[in-house]
């Protein structure tokens, strides 16, 4: 069964870092966006295998939306 979960990807001077806010400690890194996407998918699947059906429903019932916002700084 497939589920949707929210992830956050950040880029820094070392590459990409991804984490799933709903799964404490579920995080990974990669050199490219493709690498980090594959790594976080695998990490989430392994993490969710340790959860009960009720816990899976709880963590997949949320939706986190992110975007960027331009602001002016004086």
PDB file of N, CA and C in Angstrom:
ATOM      1  N   UNK A   1       0.853  -1.175   0.000  1.00  0.00           N
ATOM      2  CA  UNK A   1       0.000   0.000   0.000  1.00  0.00           C
ATOM      3  C   UNK A   1       0.898   1.237   0.000  1.00  0.00           C
ATOM      4  N   UNK A   2       0.542   2.213  -0.785  1.00  0.00           N
ATOM      5  CA  UNK A   2       1.359   3.429  -0.823  1.00  0.00           C
ATOM      6  C   UNK A   2       0.706   4.539  -0.003  1.00  0.00           C
ATOM      7  N   UNK A   3       1.540   5.401   0.525  1.00  0.00           N
ATOM      8  CA  UNK A   3       1.115   6.534   1.338  1.00  0.00           C
ATOM      9  C   UNK A   3       1.921   7.748   0.912  1.00  0.00           C
ATOM     10  N   UNK A   4       1.357   8.932   1.130  1.00  0.00           N
ATOM     11  CA  UNK A   4       2.089  10.167   0.883  1.00  0.00           C
ATOM     12  C   UNK A   4       2.558  10.728   2.211  1.00  0.00           C
ATOM     13  N   UNK A   5       3.820  11.177   2.232  1.00  0.00           N
ATOM     14  CA  UNK A   5       4.377  11.836   3.399  1.00  0.00           C
ATOM     15  C   UNK A   5       5.090  13.096   2.925  1.00  0.00           C
ATOM     16  N   UNK A   6       5.185  14.052   3.794  1.00  0.00           N
ATOM     17  CA  UNK A   6       5.874  15.297   3.462  1.00  0.00           C
ATOM     18  C   UNK A   6       7.356  15.154   3.779  1.00  0.00           C
ATOM     19  N   UNK A   7       8.187  15.724   2.912  1.00  0.00           N
ATOM     20  CA  UNK A   7       9.618  15.753   3.167  1.00  0.00           C
ATOM     21  C   UNK A   7      10.119  17.175   2.932  1.00  0.00           C
ATOM     22  N   UNK A   8      11.251  17.469   3.526  1.00  0.00           N
ATOM     23  CA  UNK A   8      11.910  18.760   3.345  1.00  0.00           C
ATOM     24  C   UNK A   8      13.307  18.461   2.803  1.00  0.00           C
ATOM     25  N   UNK A   9      13.704  19.198   1.767  1.00  0.00           N
ATOM     26  CA  UNK A   9      15.046  19.057   1.206  1.00  0.00           C
ATOM     27  C   UNK A   9      15.732  20.405   1.286  1.00  0.00           C
ATOM     28  N   UNK A  10      16.935  20.402   1.829  1.00  0.00           N
ATOM     29  CA  UNK A  10      17.728  21.619   1.949  1.00  0.00           C
ATOM     30  C   UNK A  10      19.056  21.407   1.235  1.00  0.00           C
ATOM     31  N   UNK A  11      19.554  22.465   0.598  1.00  0.00           N
ATOM     32  CA  UNK A  11      20.843  22.404  -0.085  1.00  0.00           C
ATOM     33  C   UNK A  11      21.845  23.261   0.672  1.00  0.00           C
ATOM     34  N   UNK A  12      23.063  22.734   0.823  1.00  0.00           N
ATOM     35  CA  UNK A  12      24.142  23.520   1.405  1.00  0.00           C
ATOM     36  C   UNK A  12      25.418  23.229   0.633  1.00  0.00           C
ATOM     37  N   UNK A  13      26.541  23.671   1.147  1.00  0.00           N
ATOM     38  CA  UNK A  13      27.801  23.515   0.422  1.00  0.00           C
ATOM     39  C   UNK A  13      28.260  22.060   0.313  1.00  0.00           C
ATOM     40  N   UNK A  14      27.658  21.149   1.072  1.00  0.00           N
ATOM     41  CA  UNK A  14      28.046  19.748   1.060  1.00  0.00           C
ATOM     42  C   UNK A  14      27.128  18.880   0.207  1.00  0.00           C
ATOM     43  N   UNK A  15      26.029  19.424  -0.274  1.00  0.00           N
ATOM     44  CA  UNK A  15      25.068  18.650  -1.063  1.00  0.00           C
ATOM     45  C   UNK A  15      23.656  18.900  -0.586  1.00  0.00           C
ATOM     46  N   UNK A  16      22.884  17.847  -0.520  1.00  0.00           N
ATOM     47  CA  UNK A  16      21.472  17.954  -0.158  1.00  0.00           C
ATOM     48  C   UNK A  16      21.187  17.138   1.098  1.00  0.00           C
ATOM     49  N   UNK A  17      20.291  17.654   1.909  1.00  0.00           N
ATOM     50  CA  UNK A  17      19.878  17.035   3.166  1.00  0.00           C
ATOM     51  C   UNK A  17      18.358  16.938   3.129  1.00  0.00           C
ATOM     52  N   UNK A  18      17.804  15.788   3.458  1.00  0.00           N
ATOM     53  CA  UNK A  18      16.351  15.608   3.447  1.00  0.00           C
ATOM     54  C   UNK A  18      15.891  14.987   4.756  1.00  0.00           C
ATOM     55  N   UNK A  19      14.695  15.380   5.164  1.00  0.00           N
ATOM     56  CA  UNK A  19      14.103  14.769   6.350  1.00  0.00           C
ATOM     57  C   UNK A  19      12.585  14.771   6.226  1.00  0.00           C
ATOM     58  N   UNK A  20      11.966  13.915   7.009  1.00  0.00           N
ATOM     59  CA  UNK A  20      10.506  13.806   7.054  1.00  0.00           C
ATOM     60  C   UNK A  20      10.068  14.337   8.418  1.00  0.00           C
ATOM     61  N   UNK A  21       9.429  15.512   8.456  1.00  0.00           N
ATOM     62  CA  UNK A  21       9.056  16.120   9.735  1.00  0.00           C
ATOM     63  C   UNK A  21       8.157  15.240  10.616  1.00  0.00           C
ATOM     64  N   UNK A  22       7.355  14.370   9.997  1.00  0.00           N
ATOM     65  CA  UNK A  22       6.435  13.537  10.767  1.00  0.00           C
ATOM     66  C   UNK A  22       7.089  12.280  11.349  1.00  0.00           C
ATOM     67  N   UNK A  23       8.310  11.968  10.907  1.00  0.00           N
ATOM     68  CA  UNK A  23       8.990  10.770  11.373  1.00  0.00           C
ATOM     69  C   UNK A  23      10.288  11.180  12.057  1.00  0.00           C
ATOM     70  N   UNK A  24      10.242  11.306  13.356  1.00  0.00           N
ATOM     71  CA  UNK A  24      11.378  11.809  14.124  1.00  0.00           C
ATOM     72  C   UNK A  24      12.644  11.000  13.845  1.00  0.00           C
ATOM     73  N   UNK A  25      13.688  11.701  13.450  1.00  0.00           N
ATOM     74  CA  UNK A  25      14.965  11.062  13.187  1.00  0.00           C
ATOM     75  C   UNK A  25      15.115  10.479  11.795  1.00  0.00           C
ATOM     76  N   UNK A  26      14.093  10.587  10.966  1.00  0.00           N
ATOM     77  CA  UNK A  26      14.157  10.041   9.613  1.00  0.00           C
ATOM     78  C   UNK A  26      14.762  11.100   8.699  1.00  0.00           C
ATOM     79  N   UNK A  27      16.040  10.919   8.383  1.00  0.00           N
ATOM     80  CA  UNK A  27      16.766  11.917   7.616  1.00  0.00           C
ATOM     81  C   UNK A  27      17.875  11.245   6.817  1.00  0.00           C
ATOM     82  N   UNK A  28      18.377  11.957   5.810  1.00  0.00           N
ATOM     83  CA  UNK A  28      19.446  11.425   4.981  1.00  0.00           C
ATOM     84  C   UNK A  28      20.098  12.556   4.220  1.00  0.00           C
ATOM     85  N   UNK A  29      21.070  12.212   3.408  1.00  0.00           N
ATOM     86  CA  UNK A  29      21.746  13.208   2.589  1.00  0.00           C
ATOM     87  C   UNK A  29      22.092  12.594   1.241  1.00  0.00           C
ATOM     88  N   UNK A  30      22.513  13.450   0.310  1.00  0.00           N
ATOM     89  CA  UNK A  30      22.929  12.988  -1.003  1.00  0.00           C
ATOM     90  C   UNK A  30      23.648  14.090  -1.750  1.00  0.00           C
ATOM     91  N   UNK A  31      24.402  13.692  -2.769  1.00  0.00           N
ATOM     92  CA  UNK A  31      25.150  14.668  -3.568  1.00  0.00           C
ATOM     93  C   UNK A  31      24.266  15.435  -4.545  1.00  0.00           C
ATOM     94  N   UNK A  32      23.177  14.811  -4.995  1.00  0.00           N
ATOM     95  CA  UNK A  32      22.263  15.441  -5.944  1.00  0.00           C
ATOM     96  C   UNK A  32      20.834  15.317  -5.418  1.00  0.00           C
ATOM     97  N   UNK A  33      19.914  16.053  -6.039  1.00  0.00           N
ATOM     98  CA  UNK A  33      18.504  15.947  -5.655  1.00  0.00           C
ATOM     99  C   UNK A  33      18.022  14.514  -5.882  1.00  0.00           C
ATOM    100  N   UNK A  34      18.428  13.913  -6.986  1.00  0.00           N
ATOM    101  CA  UNK A  34      18.016  12.539  -7.284  1.00  0.00           C
ATOM    102  C   UNK A  34      18.526  11.573  -6.218  1.00  0.00           C
ATOM    103  N   UNK A  35      19.785  11.753  -5.809  1.00  0.00           N
ATOM    104  CA  UNK A  35      20.346  10.900  -4.750  1.00  0.00           C
ATOM    105  C   UNK A  35      19.557  11.030  -3.456  1.00  0.00           C
ATOM    106  N   UNK A  36      19.321  12.263  -3.034  1.00  0.00           N
ATOM    107  CA  UNK A  36      18.659  12.476  -1.745  1.00  0.00           C
ATOM    108  C   UNK A  36      17.199  12.013  -1.801  1.00  0.00           C
ATOM    109  N   UNK A  37      16.555  12.159  -2.954  1.00  0.00           N
ATOM    110  CA  UNK A  37      15.168  11.677  -3.081  1.00  0.00           C
ATOM    111  C   UNK A  37      15.113  10.148  -2.941  1.00  0.00           C
ATOM    112  N   UNK A  38      16.031   9.457  -3.589  1.00  0.00           N
ATOM    113  CA  UNK A  38      16.078   8.003  -3.458  1.00  0.00           C
ATOM    114  C   UNK A  38      16.401   7.572  -2.042  1.00  0.00           C
ATOM    115  N   UNK A  39      17.342   8.285  -1.426  1.00  0.00           N
ATOM    116  CA  UNK A  39      17.745   7.943  -0.059  1.00  0.00           C
ATOM    117  C   UNK A  39      16.625   8.178   0.944  1.00  0.00           C
ATOM    118  N   UNK A  40      15.902   9.298   0.819  1.00  0.00           N
ATOM    119  CA  UNK A  40      14.830   9.570   1.788  1.00  0.00           C
ATOM    120  C   UNK A  40      13.656   8.621   1.572  1.00  0.00           C
ATOM    121  N   UNK A  41      13.396   8.249   0.333  1.00  0.00           N
ATOM    122  CA  UNK A  41      12.327   7.274   0.067  1.00  0.00           C
ATOM    123  C   UNK A  41      12.642   5.953   0.769  1.00  0.00           C
ATOM    124  N   UNK A  42      13.880   5.497   0.620  1.00  0.00           N
ATOM    125  CA  UNK A  42      14.285   4.251   1.272  1.00  0.00           C
ATOM    126  C   UNK A  42      14.226   4.383   2.792  1.00  0.00           C
ATOM    127  N   UNK A  43      14.687   5.507   3.328  1.00  0.00           N
ATOM    128  CA  UNK A  43      14.662   5.719   4.777  1.00  0.00           C
ATOM    129  C   UNK A  43      13.230   5.716   5.316  1.00  0.00           C
ATOM    130  N   UNK A  44      12.321   6.371   4.594  1.00  0.00           N
ATOM    131  CA  UNK A  44      10.922   6.424   5.030  1.00  0.00           C
ATOM    132  C   UNK A  44      10.291   5.039   4.981  1.00  0.00           C
ATOM    133  N   UNK A  45      10.534   4.303   3.902  1.00  0.00           N
ATOM    134  CA  UNK A  45       9.971   2.953   3.802  1.00  0.00           C
ATOM    135  C   UNK A  45      10.452   2.062   4.940  1.00  0.00           C
ATOM    136  N   UNK A  46      11.744   2.118   5.241  1.00  0.00           N
ATOM    137  CA  UNK A  46      12.287   1.309   6.337  1.00  0.00           C
ATOM    138  C   UNK A  46      11.719   1.749   7.685  1.00  0.00           C
ATOM    139  N   UNK A  47      11.605   3.051   7.889  1.00  0.00           N
ATOM    140  CA  UNK A  47      11.051   3.589   9.140  1.00  0.00           C
ATOM    141  C   UNK A  47       9.603   3.128   9.320  1.00  0.00           C
ATOM    142  N   UNK A  48       8.820   3.253   8.253  1.00  0.00           N
ATOM    143  CA  UNK A  48       7.391   2.930   8.359  1.00  0.00           C
ATOM    144  C   UNK A  48       7.135   1.444   8.555  1.00  0.00           C
ATOM    145  N   UNK A  49       8.096   0.601   8.152  1.00  0.00           N
ATOM    146  CA  UNK A  49       7.963  -0.837   8.401  1.00  0.00           C
ATOM    147  C   UNK A  49       7.959  -1.154   9.895  1.00  0.00           C
ATOM    148  N   UNK A  50       8.498  -0.248  10.713  1.00  0.00           N
ATOM    149  CA  UNK A  50       8.557  -0.473  12.154  1.00  0.00           C
ATOM    150  C   UNK A  50       7.300   0.016  12.876  1.00  0.00           C
ATOM    151  N   UNK A  51       6.387   0.677  12.149  1.00  0.00           N
ATOM    152  CA  UNK A  51       5.194   1.264  12.757  1.00  0.00           C
ATOM    153  C   UNK A  51       3.992   0.333  12.648  1.00  0.00           C
ATOM    154  N   UNK A  52       3.069   0.481  13.587  1.00  0.00           N
ATOM    155  CA  UNK A  52       1.802  -0.252  13.513  1.00  0.00           C
ATOM    156  C   UNK A  52       0.912   0.415  12.463  1.00  0.00           C
ATOM    157  N   UNK A  53      -0.164  -0.250  12.068  1.00  0.00           N
ATOM    158  CA  UNK A  53      -1.096   0.324  11.086  1.00  0.00           C
ATOM    159  C   UNK A  53      -1.673   1.648  11.585  1.00  0.00           C
ATOM    160  N   UNK A  54      -1.993   1.730  12.865  1.00  0.00           N
ATOM    161  CA  UNK A  54      -2.530   2.972  13.425  1.00  0.00           C
ATOM    162  C   UNK A  54      -1.505   4.094  13.374  1.00  0.00           C
ATOM    163  N   UNK A  55      -0.250   3.766  13.675  1.00  0.00           N
ATOM    164  CA  UNK A  55       0.803   4.783  13.611  1.00  0.00           C
ATOM    165  C   UNK A  55       1.027   5.256  12.179  1.00  0.00           C
ATOM    166  N   UNK A  56       0.952   4.352  11.217  1.00  0.00           N
ATOM    167  CA  UNK A  56       1.098   4.735   9.809  1.00  0.00           C
ATOM    168  C   UNK A  56      -0.032   5.679   9.424  1.00  0.00           C
ATOM    169  N   UNK A  57      -1.259   5.373   9.815  1.00  0.00           N
ATOM    170  CA  UNK A  57      -2.395   6.251   9.514  1.00  0.00           C
ATOM    171  C   UNK A  57      -2.199   7.628  10.126  1.00  0.00           C
ATOM    172  N   UNK A  58      -1.669   7.666  11.341  1.00  0.00           N
ATOM    173  CA  UNK A  58      -1.474   8.941  12.029  1.00  0.00           C
ATOM    174  C   UNK A  58      -0.445   9.818  11.307  1.00  0.00           C
ATOM    175  N   UNK A  59       0.676   9.241  10.913  1.00  0.00           N
ATOM    176  CA  UNK A  59       1.724  10.057  10.288  1.00  0.00           C
ATOM    177  C   UNK A  59       1.428  10.396   8.833  1.00  0.00           C
ATOM    178  N   UNK A  60       0.543   9.639   8.191  1.00  0.00           N
ATOM    179  CA  UNK A  60       0.229   9.941   6.794  1.00  0.00           C
ATOM    180  C   UNK A  60      -1.054  10.752   6.651  1.00  0.00           C
ATOM    181  N   UNK A  61      -1.683  11.101   7.755  1.00  0.00           N
ATOM    182  CA  UNK A  61      -2.922  11.871   7.680  1.00  0.00           C
ATOM    183  C   UNK A  61      -2.660  13.371   7.620  1.00  0.00           C
ATOM    184  N   UNK A  62      -1.398  13.779   7.824  1.00  0.00           N
ATOM    185  CA  UNK A  62      -1.040  15.189   7.806  1.00  0.00           C
ATOM    186  C   UNK A  62      -0.534  15.576   6.419  1.00  0.00           C
ATOM    187  N   UNK A  63      -0.653  16.852   6.120  1.00  0.00           N
ATOM    188  CA  UNK A  63      -0.075  17.365   4.886  1.00  0.00           C
ATOM    189  C   UNK A  63       0.630  18.667   5.213  1.00  0.00           C
ATOM    190  N   UNK A  64       1.908  18.746   4.870  1.00  0.00           N
ATOM    191  CA  UNK A  64       2.705  19.944   5.117  1.00  0.00           C
ATOM    192  C   UNK A  64       2.988  20.589   3.774  1.00  0.00           C
ATOM    193  N   UNK A  65       2.634  21.841   3.642  1.00  0.00           N
ATOM    194  CA  UNK A  65       2.889  22.568   2.398  1.00  0.00           C
ATOM    195  C   UNK A  65       4.010  23.564   2.631  1.00  0.00           C
ATOM    196  N   UNK A  66       4.936  23.620   1.710  1.00  0.00           N
ATOM    197  CA  UNK A  66       6.022  24.586   1.821  1.00  0.00           C
ATOM    198  C   UNK A  66       6.122  25.376   0.521  1.00  0.00           C
ATOM    199  N   UNK A  67       6.610  26.562   0.636  1.00  0.00           N
ATOM    200  CA  UNK A  67       6.824  27.425  -0.515  1.00  0.00           C
ATOM    201  C   UNK A  67       7.903  28.428  -0.161  1.00  0.00           C
ATOM    202  N   UNK A  68       8.214  29.316  -1.070  1.00  0.00           N
ATOM    203  CA  UNK A  68       9.156  30.387  -0.772  1.00  0.00           C
ATOM    204  C   UNK A  68       8.394  31.698  -0.777  1.00  0.00           C
ATOM    205  N   UNK A  69       8.913  32.654  -0.059  1.00  0.00           N
ATOM    206  CA  UNK A  69       8.307  33.954   0.049  1.00  0.00           C
ATOM    207  C   UNK A  69       9.406  34.994  -0.027  1.00  0.00           C
ATOM    208  N   UNK A  70       9.242  35.975  -0.901  1.00  0.00           N
ATOM    209  CA  UNK A  70      10.228  37.037  -1.004  1.00  0.00           C
ATOM    210  C   UNK A  70       9.877  38.144  -0.045  1.00  0.00           C
ATOM    211  N   UNK A  71      10.845  38.567   0.762  1.00  0.00           N
ATOM    212  CA  UNK A  71      10.635  39.639   1.723  1.00  0.00           C
ATOM    213  C   UNK A  71      11.722  40.683   1.544  1.00  0.00           C
ATOM    214  N   UNK A  72      11.413  41.883   1.935  1.00  0.00           N
ATOM    215  CA  UNK A  72      12.392  42.962   1.881  1.00  0.00           C
ATOM    216  C   UNK A  72      12.962  43.195   3.266  1.00  0.00           C
ATOM    217  N   UNK A  73      14.264  43.364   3.321  1.00  0.00           N
ATOM    218  CA  UNK A  73      14.946  43.644   4.579  1.00  0.00           C
ATOM    219  C   UNK A  73      15.565  45.019   4.460  1.00  0.00           C
ATOM    220  N   UNK A  74      15.251  45.873   5.408  1.00  0.00           N
ATOM    221  CA  UNK A  74      15.746  47.262   5.344  1.00  0.00           C
ATOM    222  C   UNK A  74      17.224  47.339   5.556  1.00  0.00           C
TER     223      UNK A  74
END
